[in-house]
Amino acid sequence: MELYIRYSDRVKAETQRLEQLELDDLEMDEEEKYNRKLECGLYTLQLIAVILGDLWCSEHSQMKARIELLLKQQKLTKNDIKDILQEYHDNIGDLDGAEEKERAQARIQRIISSF
């Protein structure tokens, strides 16, 4: 959870910085913004969210209780993780082929649904 918080803070800071740049009339397209966030740790944050999701899906009640406790301690909700997972789902590329993309998206969607 500490890594989740660390990378979440980095991504939030970069998002705020990008919003400030837009206010200063420096326009960026969505792809460039997304790439900047990836450079600041978004991909790592997404992978941490996938790991938390896999743990949640493991059906171990103690594991779920521990994750919920850690989220509450950090004043986070399952929706915070779901949002990161949804962004990851929406941006999965097809570098390994369309079939692999669909398989990866289906896996992430299962994790999102379990939350």
PDB file of N, CA and C in Angstrom:
ATOM      1  N   MET A   1       0.828  -1.187   0.000  1.00  0.00           N
ATOM      2  CA  MET A   1       0.000   0.000   0.000  1.00  0.00           C
ATOM      3  C   MET A   1       0.876   1.257   0.000  1.00  0.00           C
ATOM      4  N   GLU A   2       2.045   1.157   0.631  1.00  0.00           N
ATOM      5  CA  GLU A   2       2.944   2.315   0.647  1.00  0.00           C
ATOM      6  C   GLU A   2       3.369   2.701  -0.767  1.00  0.00           C
ATOM      7  N   LEU A   3       3.648   1.710  -1.578  1.00  0.00           N
ATOM      8  CA  LEU A   3       4.019   1.994  -2.968  1.00  0.00           C
ATOM      9  C   LEU A   3       2.854   2.605  -3.733  1.00  0.00           C
ATOM     10  N   TYR A   4       1.653   2.108  -3.471  1.00  0.00           N
ATOM     11  CA  TYR A   4       0.465   2.661  -4.125  1.00  0.00           C
ATOM     12  C   TYR A   4       0.351   4.151  -3.802  1.00  0.00           C
ATOM     13  N   ILE A   5       0.501   4.489  -2.526  1.00  0.00           N
ATOM     14  CA  ILE A   5       0.392   5.893  -2.097  1.00  0.00           C
ATOM     15  C   ILE A   5       1.499   6.730  -2.732  1.00  0.00           C
ATOM     16  N   ARG A   6       2.721   6.226  -2.711  1.00  0.00           N
ATOM     17  CA  ARG A   6       3.853   6.982  -3.259  1.00  0.00           C
ATOM     18  C   ARG A   6       3.634   7.303  -4.739  1.00  0.00           C
ATOM     19  N   TYR A   7       3.265   6.294  -5.505  1.00  0.00           N
ATOM     20  CA  TYR A   7       3.077   6.516  -6.942  1.00  0.00           C
ATOM     21  C   TYR A   7       1.798   7.290  -7.238  1.00  0.00           C
ATOM     22  N   SER A   8       0.790   7.107  -6.428  1.00  0.00           N
ATOM     23  CA  SER A   8      -0.440   7.875  -6.592  1.00  0.00           C
ATOM     24  C   SER A   8      -0.160   9.362  -6.387  1.00  0.00           C
ATOM     25  N   ASP A   9       0.634   9.678  -5.373  1.00  0.00           N
ATOM     26  CA  ASP A   9       0.994  11.074  -5.120  1.00  0.00           C
ATOM     27  C   ASP A   9       1.795  11.661  -6.279  1.00  0.00           C
ATOM     28  N   ARG A  10       2.704  10.876  -6.834  1.00  0.00           N
ATOM     29  CA  ARG A  10       3.492  11.349  -7.981  1.00  0.00           C
ATOM     30  C   ARG A  10       2.600  11.654  -9.179  1.00  0.00           C
ATOM     31  N   VAL A  11       1.681  10.747  -9.451  1.00  0.00           N
ATOM     32  CA  VAL A  11       0.798  10.923 -10.607  1.00  0.00           C
ATOM     33  C   VAL A  11      -0.135  12.113 -10.385  1.00  0.00           C
ATOM     34  N   LYS A  12      -0.651  12.267  -9.166  1.00  0.00           N
ATOM     35  CA  LYS A  12      -1.517  13.415  -8.869  1.00  0.00           C
ATOM     36  C   LYS A  12      -0.759  14.723  -9.041  1.00  0.00           C
ATOM     37  N   ALA A  13       0.484  14.771  -8.573  1.00  0.00           N
ATOM     38  CA  ALA A  13       1.289  15.988  -8.711  1.00  0.00           C
ATOM     39  C   ALA A  13       1.524  16.312 -10.184  1.00  0.00           C
ATOM     40  N   GLU A  14       1.812  15.300 -10.984  1.00  0.00           N
ATOM     41  CA  GLU A  14       2.029  15.523 -12.417  1.00  0.00           C
ATOM     42  C   GLU A  14       0.740  15.970 -13.100  1.00  0.00           C
ATOM     43  N   THR A  15      -0.382  15.379 -12.714  1.00  0.00           N
ATOM     44  CA  THR A  15      -1.671  15.767 -13.282  1.00  0.00           C
ATOM     45  C   THR A  15      -1.968  17.229 -12.969  1.00  0.00           C
ATOM     46  N   GLN A  16      -1.709  17.638 -11.735  1.00  0.00           N
ATOM     47  CA  GLN A  16      -1.923  19.042 -11.363  1.00  0.00           C
ATOM     48  C   GLN A  16      -0.985  19.958 -12.142  1.00  0.00           C
ATOM     49  N   ARG A  17       0.261  19.525 -12.317  1.00  0.00           N
ATOM     50  CA  ARG A  17       1.223  20.324 -13.070  1.00  0.00           C
ATOM     51  C   ARG A  17       0.773  20.479 -14.525  1.00  0.00           C
ATOM     52  N   LEU A  18       0.263  19.397 -15.101  1.00  0.00           N
ATOM     53  CA  LEU A  18      -0.219  19.455 -16.487  1.00  0.00           C
ATOM     54  C   LEU A  18      -1.437  20.362 -16.607  1.00  0.00           C
ATOM     55  N   GLU A  19      -2.311  20.317 -15.611  1.00  0.00           N
ATOM     56  CA  GLU A  19      -3.480  21.209 -15.624  1.00  0.00           C
ATOM     57  C   GLU A  19      -3.041  22.660 -15.529  1.00  0.00           C
ATOM     58  N   GLN A  20      -2.012  22.928 -14.726  1.00  0.00           N
ATOM     59  CA  GLN A  20      -1.493  24.286 -14.602  1.00  0.00           C
ATOM     60  C   GLN A  20      -0.886  24.749 -15.924  1.00  0.00           C
ATOM     61  N   LEU A  21      -0.190  23.856 -16.601  1.00  0.00           N
ATOM     62  CA  LEU A  21       0.379  24.205 -17.906  1.00  0.00           C
ATOM     63  C   LEU A  21      -0.717  24.562 -18.901  1.00  0.00           C
ATOM     64  N   GLU A  22      -1.829  23.837 -18.834  1.00  0.00           N
ATOM     65  CA  GLU A  22      -2.953  24.154 -19.725  1.00  0.00           C
ATOM     66  C   GLU A  22      -3.518  25.530 -19.415  1.00  0.00           C
ATOM     67  N   LEU A  23      -3.567  25.873 -18.133  1.00  0.00           N
ATOM     68  CA  LEU A  23      -4.053  27.197 -17.757  1.00  0.00           C
ATOM     69  C   LEU A  23      -3.108  28.281 -18.260  1.00  0.00           C
ATOM     70  N   ASP A  24      -1.834  27.935 -18.388  1.00  0.00           N
ATOM     71  CA  ASP A  24      -0.839  28.882 -18.897  1.00  0.00           C
ATOM     72  C   ASP A  24      -0.773  28.871 -20.425  1.00  0.00           C
ATOM     73  N   ASP A  25      -1.808  28.339 -21.057  1.00  0.00           N
ATOM     74  CA  ASP A  25      -1.954  28.320 -22.518  1.00  0.00           C
ATOM     75  C   ASP A  25      -0.970  27.406 -23.244  1.00  0.00           C
ATOM     76  N   LEU A  26      -0.490  26.398 -22.579  1.00  0.00           N
ATOM     77  CA  LEU A  26       0.327  25.392 -23.256  1.00  0.00           C
ATOM     78  C   LEU A  26      -0.548  24.167 -23.468  1.00  0.00           C
ATOM     79  N   GLU A  27      -1.130  24.080 -24.643  1.00  0.00           N
ATOM     80  CA  GLU A  27      -2.060  22.993 -24.957  1.00  0.00           C
ATOM     81  C   GLU A  27      -1.318  21.680 -25.190  1.00  0.00           C
ATOM     82  N   MET A  28      -1.877  20.598 -24.664  1.00  0.00           N
ATOM     83  CA  MET A  28      -1.348  19.259 -24.904  1.00  0.00           C
ATOM     84  C   MET A  28      -2.511  18.354 -25.252  1.00  0.00           C
ATOM     85  N   ASP A  29      -2.274  17.431 -26.175  1.00  0.00           N
ATOM     86  CA  ASP A  29      -3.338  16.481 -26.477  1.00  0.00           C
ATOM     87  C   ASP A  29      -3.365  15.403 -25.385  1.00  0.00           C
ATOM     88  N   GLU A  30      -4.432  14.631 -25.375  1.00  0.00           N
ATOM     89  CA  GLU A  30      -4.631  13.626 -24.325  1.00  0.00           C
ATOM     90  C   GLU A  30      -3.530  12.575 -24.320  1.00  0.00           C
ATOM     91  N   GLU A  31      -3.052  12.206 -25.496  1.00  0.00           N
ATOM     92  CA  GLU A  31      -1.995  11.192 -25.570  1.00  0.00           C
ATOM     93  C   GLU A  31      -0.703  11.691 -24.928  1.00  0.00           C
ATOM     94  N   GLU A  32      -0.375  12.950 -25.168  1.00  0.00           N
ATOM     95  CA  GLU A  32       0.837  13.515 -24.574  1.00  0.00           C
ATOM     96  C   GLU A  32       0.703  13.596 -23.054  1.00  0.00           C
ATOM     97  N   LYS A  33      -0.474  13.981 -22.575  1.00  0.00           N
ATOM     98  CA  LYS A  33      -0.704  14.019 -21.123  1.00  0.00           C
ATOM     99  C   LYS A  33      -0.548  12.629 -20.519  1.00  0.00           C
ATOM    100  N   TYR A  34      -1.139  11.647 -21.186  1.00  0.00           N
ATOM    101  CA  TYR A  34      -1.071  10.275 -20.690  1.00  0.00           C
ATOM    102  C   TYR A  34       0.383   9.796 -20.653  1.00  0.00           C
ATOM    103  N   ASN A  35       1.147  10.107 -21.688  1.00  0.00           N
ATOM    104  CA  ASN A  35       2.554   9.710 -21.727  1.00  0.00           C
ATOM    105  C   ASN A  35       3.360  10.382 -20.619  1.00  0.00           C
ATOM    106  N   ARG A  36       3.071  11.628 -20.337  1.00  0.00           N
ATOM    107  CA  ARG A  36       3.763  12.330 -19.246  1.00  0.00           C
ATOM    108  C   ARG A  36       3.448  11.679 -17.902  1.00  0.00           C
ATOM    109  N   LYS A  37       2.186  11.307 -17.718  1.00  0.00           N
ATOM    110  CA  LYS A  37       1.804  10.635 -16.474  1.00  0.00           C
ATOM    111  C   LYS A  37       2.468   9.264 -16.373  1.00  0.00           C
ATOM    112  N   LEU A  38       2.592   8.569 -17.493  1.00  0.00           N
ATOM    113  CA  LEU A  38       3.296   7.279 -17.494  1.00  0.00           C
ATOM    114  C   LEU A  38       4.745   7.460 -17.053  1.00  0.00           C
ATOM    115  N   GLU A  39       5.374   8.513 -17.537  1.00  0.00           N
ATOM    116  CA  GLU A  39       6.764   8.788 -17.174  1.00  0.00           C
ATOM    117  C   GLU A  39       6.918   9.091 -15.686  1.00  0.00           C
ATOM    118  N   CYS A  40       5.876   9.607 -15.071  1.00  0.00           N
ATOM    119  CA  CYS A  40       5.931   9.948 -13.649  1.00  0.00           C
ATOM    120  C   CYS A  40       5.519   8.797 -12.739  1.00  0.00           C
ATOM    121  N   GLY A  41       5.207   7.656 -13.304  1.00  0.00           N
ATOM    122  CA  GLY A  41       4.906   6.503 -12.468  1.00  0.00           C
ATOM    123  C   GLY A  41       3.521   5.920 -12.612  1.00  0.00           C
ATOM    124  N   LEU A  42       2.744   6.380 -13.577  1.00  0.00           N
ATOM    125  CA  LEU A  42       1.387   5.857 -13.738  1.00  0.00           C
ATOM    126  C   LEU A  42       1.395   4.363 -14.030  1.00  0.00           C
ATOM    127  N   TYR A  43       2.316   3.916 -14.873  1.00  0.00           N
ATOM    128  CA  TYR A  43       2.350   2.488 -15.215  1.00  0.00           C
ATOM    129  C   TYR A  43       2.615   1.641 -13.968  1.00  0.00           C
ATOM    130  N   THR A  44       3.544   2.082 -13.135  1.00  0.00           N
ATOM    131  CA  THR A  44       3.826   1.360 -11.886  1.00  0.00           C
ATOM    132  C   THR A  44       2.604   1.368 -10.990  1.00  0.00           C
ATOM    133  N   LEU A  45       1.935   2.504 -10.897  1.00  0.00           N
ATOM    134  CA  LEU A  45       0.710   2.604 -10.101  1.00  0.00           C
ATOM    135  C   LEU A  45      -0.348   1.641 -10.631  1.00  0.00           C
ATOM    136  N   GLN A  46      -0.477   1.555 -11.942  1.00  0.00           N
ATOM    137  CA  GLN A  46      -1.452   0.641 -12.540  1.00  0.00           C
ATOM    138  C   GLN A  46      -1.112  -0.810 -12.210  1.00  0.00           C
ATOM    139  N   LEU A  47       0.165  -1.159 -12.265  1.00  0.00           N
ATOM    140  CA  LEU A  47       0.560  -2.531 -11.935  1.00  0.00           C
ATOM    141  C   LEU A  47       0.310  -2.847 -10.465  1.00  0.00           C
ATOM    142  N   ILE A  48       0.540  -1.878  -9.595  1.00  0.00           N
ATOM    143  CA  ILE A  48       0.245  -2.073  -8.173  1.00  0.00           C
ATOM    144  C   ILE A  48      -1.253  -2.285  -7.987  1.00  0.00           C
ATOM    145  N   ALA A  49      -2.061  -1.521  -8.714  1.00  0.00           N
ATOM    146  CA  ALA A  49      -3.518  -1.689  -8.639  1.00  0.00           C
ATOM    147  C   ALA A  49      -3.928  -3.070  -9.142  1.00  0.00           C
ATOM    148  N   VAL A  50      -3.270  -3.572 -10.185  1.00  0.00           N
ATOM    149  CA  VAL A  50      -3.562  -4.920 -10.690  1.00  0.00           C
ATOM    150  C   VAL A  50      -3.213  -5.958  -9.627  1.00  0.00           C
ATOM    151  N   ILE A  51      -2.086  -5.784  -8.961  1.00  0.00           N
ATOM    152  CA  ILE A  51      -1.696  -6.718  -7.897  1.00  0.00           C
ATOM    153  C   ILE A  51      -2.722  -6.697  -6.773  1.00  0.00           C
ATOM    154  N   LEU A  52      -3.124  -5.504  -6.347  1.00  0.00           N
ATOM    155  CA  LEU A  52      -4.157  -5.405  -5.304  1.00  0.00           C
ATOM    156  C   LEU A  52      -5.448  -6.066  -5.769  1.00  0.00           C
ATOM    157  N   GLY A  53      -5.792  -5.869  -7.030  1.00  0.00           N
ATOM    158  CA  GLY A  53      -6.990  -6.492  -7.583  1.00  0.00           C
ATOM    159  C   GLY A  53      -6.894  -8.002  -7.614  1.00  0.00           C
ATOM    160  N   ASP A  54      -5.734  -8.521  -7.991  1.00  0.00           N
ATOM    161  CA  ASP A  54      -5.539  -9.976  -7.984  1.00  0.00           C
ATOM    162  C   ASP A  54      -5.667 -10.530  -6.569  1.00  0.00           C
ATOM    163  N   LEU A  55      -5.100  -9.819  -5.611  1.00  0.00           N
ATOM    164  CA  LEU A  55      -5.230 -10.250  -4.215  1.00  0.00           C
ATOM    165  C   LEU A  55      -6.690 -10.229  -3.785  1.00  0.00           C
ATOM    166  N   TRP A  56      -7.408  -9.195  -4.212  1.00  0.00           N
ATOM    167  CA  TRP A  56      -8.829  -9.078  -3.871  1.00  0.00           C
ATOM    168  C   TRP A  56      -9.619 -10.240  -4.468  1.00  0.00           C
ATOM    169  N   CYS A  57      -9.274 -10.626  -5.692  1.00  0.00           N
ATOM    170  CA  CYS A  57      -9.977 -11.711  -6.388  1.00  0.00           C
ATOM    171  C   CYS A  57      -9.625 -13.089  -5.841  1.00  0.00           C
ATOM    172  N   SER A  58      -8.630 -13.171  -4.993  1.00  0.00           N
ATOM    173  CA  SER A  58      -8.160 -14.469  -4.514  1.00  0.00           C
ATOM    174  C   SER A  58      -9.165 -15.170  -3.609  1.00  0.00           C
ATOM    175  N   GLU A  59     -10.225 -14.491  -3.235  1.00  0.00           N
ATOM    176  CA  GLU A  59     -11.294 -15.070  -2.414  1.00  0.00           C
ATOM    177  C   GLU A  59     -10.870 -15.348  -0.973  1.00  0.00           C
ATOM    178  N   HIS A  60      -9.703 -14.869  -0.559  1.00  0.00           N
ATOM    179  CA  HIS A  60      -9.296 -15.013   0.838  1.00  0.00           C
ATOM    180  C   HIS A  60      -9.897 -13.859   1.629  1.00  0.00           C
ATOM    181  N   SER A  61     -10.782 -14.179   2.539  1.00  0.00           N
ATOM    182  CA  SER A  61     -11.480 -13.130   3.286  1.00  0.00           C
ATOM    183  C   SER A  61     -10.509 -12.295   4.120  1.00  0.00           C
ATOM    184  N   GLN A  62      -9.463 -12.912   4.648  1.00  0.00           N
ATOM    185  CA  GLN A  62      -8.486 -12.155   5.433  1.00  0.00           C
ATOM    186  C   GLN A  62      -7.730 -11.164   4.556  1.00  0.00           C
ATOM    187  N   MET A  63      -7.459 -11.564   3.330  1.00  0.00           N
ATOM    188  CA  MET A  63      -6.753 -10.679   2.405  1.00  0.00           C
ATOM    189  C   MET A  63      -7.633  -9.473   2.057  1.00  0.00           C
ATOM    190  N   LYS A  64      -8.902  -9.722   1.796  1.00  0.00           N
ATOM    191  CA  LYS A  64      -9.834  -8.628   1.498  1.00  0.00           C
ATOM    192  C   LYS A  64      -9.947  -7.682   2.683  1.00  0.00           C
ATOM    193  N   ALA A  65     -10.054  -8.255   3.879  1.00  0.00           N
ATOM    194  CA  ALA A  65     -10.170  -7.431   5.084  1.00  0.00           C
ATOM    195  C   ALA A  65      -8.919  -6.574   5.269  1.00  0.00           C
ATOM    196  N   ARG A  66      -7.763  -7.145   4.998  1.00  0.00           N
ATOM    197  CA  ARG A  66      -6.504  -6.400   5.140  1.00  0.00           C
ATOM    198  C   ARG A  66      -6.437  -5.260   4.123  1.00  0.00           C
ATOM    199  N   ILE A  67      -6.828  -5.536   2.896  1.00  0.00           N
ATOM    200  CA  ILE A  67      -6.821  -4.491   1.865  1.00  0.00           C
ATOM    201  C   ILE A  67      -7.789  -3.371   2.245  1.00  0.00           C
ATOM    202  N   GLU A  68      -8.988  -3.737   2.699  1.00  0.00           N
ATOM    203  CA  GLU A  68      -9.960  -2.717   3.110  1.00  0.00           C
ATOM    204  C   GLU A  68      -9.422  -1.882   4.268  1.00  0.00           C
ATOM    205  N   LEU A  69      -8.763  -2.529   5.227  1.00  0.00           N
ATOM    206  CA  LEU A  69      -8.185  -1.812   6.361  1.00  0.00           C
ATOM    207  C   LEU A  69      -7.117  -0.831   5.889  1.00  0.00           C
ATOM    208  N   LEU A  70      -6.233  -1.290   5.026  1.00  0.00           N
ATOM    209  CA  LEU A  70      -5.176  -0.416   4.517  1.00  0.00           C
ATOM    210  C   LEU A  70      -5.749   0.753   3.722  1.00  0.00           C
ATOM    211  N   LEU A  71      -6.792   0.500   2.959  1.00  0.00           N
ATOM    212  CA  LEU A  71      -7.439   1.586   2.220  1.00  0.00           C
ATOM    213  C   LEU A  71      -8.033   2.614   3.175  1.00  0.00           C
ATOM    214  N   LYS A  72      -8.731   2.135   4.204  1.00  0.00           N
ATOM    215  CA  LYS A  72      -9.337   3.048   5.181  1.00  0.00           C
ATOM    216  C   LYS A  72      -8.276   3.868   5.899  1.00  0.00           C
ATOM    217  N   GLN A  73      -7.164   3.230   6.246  1.00  0.00           N
ATOM    218  CA  GLN A  73      -6.095   3.942   6.940  1.00  0.00           C
ATOM    219  C   GLN A  73      -5.536   5.074   6.088  1.00  0.00           C
ATOM    220  N   GLN A  74      -5.563   4.899   4.788  1.00  0.00           N
ATOM    221  CA  GLN A  74      -5.046   5.918   3.874  1.00  0.00           C
ATOM    222  C   GLN A  74      -6.147   6.837   3.338  1.00  0.00           C
ATOM    223  N   LYS A  75      -7.361   6.676   3.881  1.00  0.00           N
ATOM    224  CA  LYS A  75      -8.524   7.462   3.449  1.00  0.00           C
ATOM    225  C   LYS A  75      -8.792   7.276   1.951  1.00  0.00           C
ATOM    226  N   LEU A  76      -8.673   6.028   1.509  1.00  0.00           N
ATOM    227  CA  LEU A  76      -8.955   5.659   0.127  1.00  0.00           C
ATOM    228  C   LEU A  76     -10.131   4.700   0.101  1.00  0.00           C
ATOM    229  N   THR A  77     -10.697   4.524  -1.082  1.00  0.00           N
ATOM    230  CA  THR A  77     -11.786   3.568  -1.250  1.00  0.00           C
ATOM    231  C   THR A  77     -11.427   2.604  -2.378  1.00  0.00           C
ATOM    232  N   LYS A  78     -12.232   1.578  -2.506  1.00  0.00           N
ATOM    233  CA  LYS A  78     -12.036   0.639  -3.612  1.00  0.00           C
ATOM    234  C   LYS A  78     -12.212   1.355  -4.946  1.00  0.00           C
ATOM    235  N   ASN A  79     -13.024   2.400  -4.959  1.00  0.00           N
ATOM    236  CA  ASN A  79     -13.233   3.154  -6.205  1.00  0.00           C
ATOM    237  C   ASN A  79     -11.952   3.825  -6.692  1.00  0.00           C
ATOM    238  N   ASP A  80     -11.079   4.211  -5.771  1.00  0.00           N
ATOM    239  CA  ASP A  80      -9.804   4.803  -6.182  1.00  0.00           C
ATOM    240  C   ASP A  80      -8.990   3.797  -6.993  1.00  0.00           C
ATOM    241  N   ILE A  81      -8.969   2.561  -6.528  1.00  0.00           N
ATOM    242  CA  ILE A  81      -8.247   1.517  -7.250  1.00  0.00           C
ATOM    243  C   ILE A  81      -8.965   1.191  -8.557  1.00  0.00           C
ATOM    244  N   LYS A  82     -10.295   1.147  -8.507  1.00  0.00           N
ATOM    245  CA  LYS A  82     -11.064   0.862  -9.720  1.00  0.00           C
ATOM    246  C   LYS A  82     -10.807   1.908 -10.798  1.00  0.00           C
ATOM    247  N   ASP A  83     -10.688   3.166 -10.405  1.00  0.00           N
ATOM    248  CA  ASP A  83     -10.422   4.232 -11.377  1.00  0.00           C
ATOM    249  C   ASP A  83      -9.080   4.021 -12.085  1.00  0.00           C
ATOM    250  N   ILE A  84      -8.062   3.645 -11.320  1.00  0.00           N
ATOM    251  CA  ILE A  84      -6.747   3.377 -11.907  1.00  0.00           C
ATOM    252  C   ILE A  84      -6.833   2.179 -12.845  1.00  0.00           C
ATOM    253  N   LEU A  85      -7.529   1.137 -12.403  1.00  0.00           N
ATOM    254  CA  LEU A  85      -7.685  -0.057 -13.239  1.00  0.00           C
ATOM    255  C   LEU A  85      -8.467   0.246 -14.515  1.00  0.00           C
ATOM    256  N   GLN A  86      -9.478   1.096 -14.410  1.00  0.00           N
ATOM    257  CA  GLN A  86     -10.272   1.439 -15.594  1.00  0.00           C
ATOM    258  C   GLN A  86      -9.429   2.205 -16.606  1.00  0.00           C
ATOM    259  N   GLU A  87      -8.607   3.129 -16.116  1.00  0.00           N
ATOM    260  CA  GLU A  87      -7.728   3.871 -17.020  1.00  0.00           C
ATOM    261  C   GLU A  87      -6.741   2.911 -17.699  1.00  0.00           C
ATOM    262  N   TYR A  88      -6.234   1.949 -16.935  1.00  0.00           N
ATOM    263  CA  TYR A  88      -5.331   0.943 -17.496  1.00  0.00           C
ATOM    264  C   TYR A  88      -6.057   0.122 -18.563  1.00  0.00           C
ATOM    265  N   HIS A  89      -7.256  -0.319 -18.242  1.00  0.00           N
ATOM    266  CA  HIS A  89      -8.079  -1.103 -19.173  1.00  0.00           C
ATOM    267  C   HIS A  89      -8.295  -0.342 -20.478  1.00  0.00           C
ATOM    268  N   ASP A  90      -8.641   0.923 -20.349  1.00  0.00           N
ATOM    269  CA  ASP A  90      -8.963   1.734 -21.523  1.00  0.00           C
ATOM    270  C   ASP A  90      -7.752   2.010 -22.412  1.00  0.00           C
ATOM    271  N   ASN A  91      -6.553   1.880 -21.857  1.00  0.00           N
ATOM    272  CA  ASN A  91      -5.349   2.225 -22.616  1.00  0.00           C
ATOM    273  C   ASN A  91      -4.459   1.030 -22.932  1.00  0.00           C
ATOM    274  N   ILE A  92      -4.966  -0.174 -22.748  1.00  0.00           N
ATOM    275  CA  ILE A  92      -4.189  -1.358 -23.114  1.00  0.00           C
ATOM    276  C   ILE A  92      -4.032  -1.366 -24.629  1.00  0.00           C
ATOM    277  N   GLY A  93      -2.801  -1.452 -25.073  1.00  0.00           N
ATOM    278  CA  GLY A  93      -2.520  -1.426 -26.507  1.00  0.00           C
ATOM    279  C   GLY A  93      -2.595  -2.810 -27.121  1.00  0.00           C
ATOM    280  N   ASP A  94      -2.458  -2.852 -28.431  1.00  0.00           N
ATOM    281  CA  ASP A  94      -2.531  -4.133 -29.138  1.00  0.00           C
ATOM    282  C   ASP A  94      -1.184  -4.519 -29.741  1.00  0.00           C
ATOM    283  N   LEU A  95      -0.108  -4.155 -29.057  1.00  0.00           N
ATOM    284  CA  LEU A  95       1.236  -4.470 -29.523  1.00  0.00           C
ATOM    285  C   LEU A  95       1.437  -5.974 -29.698  1.00  0.00           C
ATOM    286  N   ASP A  96       0.845  -6.763 -28.806  1.00  0.00           N
ATOM    287  CA  ASP A  96       0.963  -8.223 -28.878  1.00  0.00           C
ATOM    288  C   ASP A  96      -0.164  -8.856 -29.681  1.00  0.00           C
ATOM    289  N   GLY A  97      -0.947  -8.053 -30.357  1.00  0.00           N
ATOM    290  CA  GLY A  97      -2.042  -8.564 -31.173  1.00  0.00           C
ATOM    291  C   GLY A  97      -3.392  -8.293 -30.532  1.00  0.00           C
ATOM    292  N   ALA A  98      -4.405  -8.304 -31.362  1.00  0.00           N
ATOM    293  CA  ALA A  98      -5.761  -7.987 -30.905  1.00  0.00           C
ATOM    294  C   ALA A  98      -6.274  -9.016 -29.902  1.00  0.00           C
ATOM    295  N   GLU A  99      -5.921 -10.276 -30.112  1.00  0.00           N
ATOM    296  CA  GLU A  99      -6.399 -11.327 -29.210  1.00  0.00           C
ATOM    297  C   GLU A  99      -5.823 -11.151 -27.804  1.00  0.00           C
ATOM    298  N   GLU A 100      -4.539 -10.828 -27.724  1.00  0.00           N
ATOM    299  CA  GLU A 100      -3.898 -10.610 -26.417  1.00  0.00           C
ATOM    300  C   GLU A 100      -4.475  -9.366 -25.744  1.00  0.00           C
ATOM    301  N   LYS A 101      -4.767  -8.341 -26.535  1.00  0.00           N
ATOM    302  CA  LYS A 101      -5.377  -7.128 -25.990  1.00  0.00           C
ATOM    303  C   LYS A 101      -6.725  -7.457 -25.366  1.00  0.00           C
ATOM    304  N   GLU A 102      -7.542  -8.227 -26.077  1.00  0.00           N
ATOM    305  CA  GLU A 102      -8.861  -8.603 -25.553  1.00  0.00           C
ATOM    306  C   GLU A 102      -8.737  -9.441 -24.287  1.00  0.00           C
ATOM    307  N   ARG A 103      -7.767 -10.343 -24.268  1.00  0.00           N
ATOM    308  CA  ARG A 103      -7.556 -11.190 -23.094  1.00  0.00           C
ATOM    309  C   ARG A 103      -7.153 -10.330 -21.884  1.00  0.00           C
ATOM    310  N   ALA A 104      -6.233  -9.389 -22.111  1.00  0.00           N
ATOM    311  CA  ALA A 104      -5.784  -8.509 -21.030  1.00  0.00           C
ATOM    312  C   ALA A 104      -6.925  -7.621 -20.541  1.00  0.00           C
ATOM    313  N   GLN A 105      -7.702  -7.088 -21.469  1.00  0.00           N
ATOM    314  CA  GLN A 105      -8.825  -6.238 -21.076  1.00  0.00           C
ATOM    315  C   GLN A 105      -9.871  -7.033 -20.308  1.00  0.00           C
ATOM    316  N   ALA A 106     -10.119  -8.273 -20.716  1.00  0.00           N
ATOM    317  CA  ALA A 106     -11.094  -9.110 -20.012  1.00  0.00           C
ATOM    318  C   ALA A 106     -10.622  -9.396 -18.591  1.00  0.00           C
ATOM    319  N   ARG A 107      -9.330  -9.650 -18.436  1.00  0.00           N
ATOM    320  CA  ARG A 107      -8.772  -9.906 -17.094  1.00  0.00           C
ATOM    321  C   ARG A 107      -8.943  -8.687 -16.197  1.00  0.00           C
ATOM    322  N   ILE A 108      -8.602  -7.519 -16.718  1.00  0.00           N
ATOM    323  CA  ILE A 108      -8.724  -6.293 -15.926  1.00  0.00           C
ATOM    324  C   ILE A 108     -10.189  -6.012 -15.621  1.00  0.00           C
ATOM    325  N   GLN A 109     -11.077  -6.261 -16.569  1.00  0.00           N
ATOM    326  CA  GLN A 109     -12.507  -6.033 -16.338  1.00  0.00           C
ATOM    327  C   GLN A 109     -13.028  -6.953 -15.241  1.00  0.00           C
ATOM    328  N   ARG A 110     -12.548  -8.199 -15.197  1.00  0.00           N
ATOM    329  CA  ARG A 110     -12.937  -9.121 -14.120  1.00  0.00           C
ATOM    330  C   ARG A 110     -12.505  -8.579 -12.765  1.00  0.00           C
ATOM    331  N   ILE A 111     -11.294  -8.036 -12.716  1.00  0.00           N
ATOM    332  CA  ILE A 111     -10.796  -7.470 -11.457  1.00  0.00           C
ATOM    333  C   ILE A 111     -11.653  -6.280 -11.051  1.00  0.00           C
ATOM    334  N   ILE A 112     -11.947  -5.404 -12.003  1.00  0.00           N
ATOM    335  CA  ILE A 112     -12.776  -4.227 -11.707  1.00  0.00           C
ATOM    336  C   ILE A 112     -14.134  -4.666 -11.186  1.00  0.00           C
ATOM    337  N   SER A 113     -14.728  -5.661 -11.824  1.00  0.00           N
ATOM    338  CA  SER A 113     -16.053  -6.141 -11.415  1.00  0.00           C
ATOM    339  C   SER A 113     -16.040  -6.751 -10.022  1.00  0.00           C
ATOM    340  N   SER A 114     -14.925  -7.353  -9.639  1.00  0.00           N
ATOM    341  CA  SER A 114     -14.861  -7.996  -8.320  1.00  0.00           C
ATOM    342  C   SER A 114     -14.830  -6.980  -7.188  1.00  0.00           C
ATOM    343  N   PHE A 115     -14.364  -5.764  -7.485  1.00  0.00           N
ATOM    344  CA  PHE A 115     -14.353  -4.723  -6.466  1.00  0.00           C
ATOM    345  C   PHE A 115     -15.773  -4.242  -6.256  1.00  0.00           C
TER     346      PHE A 115
END
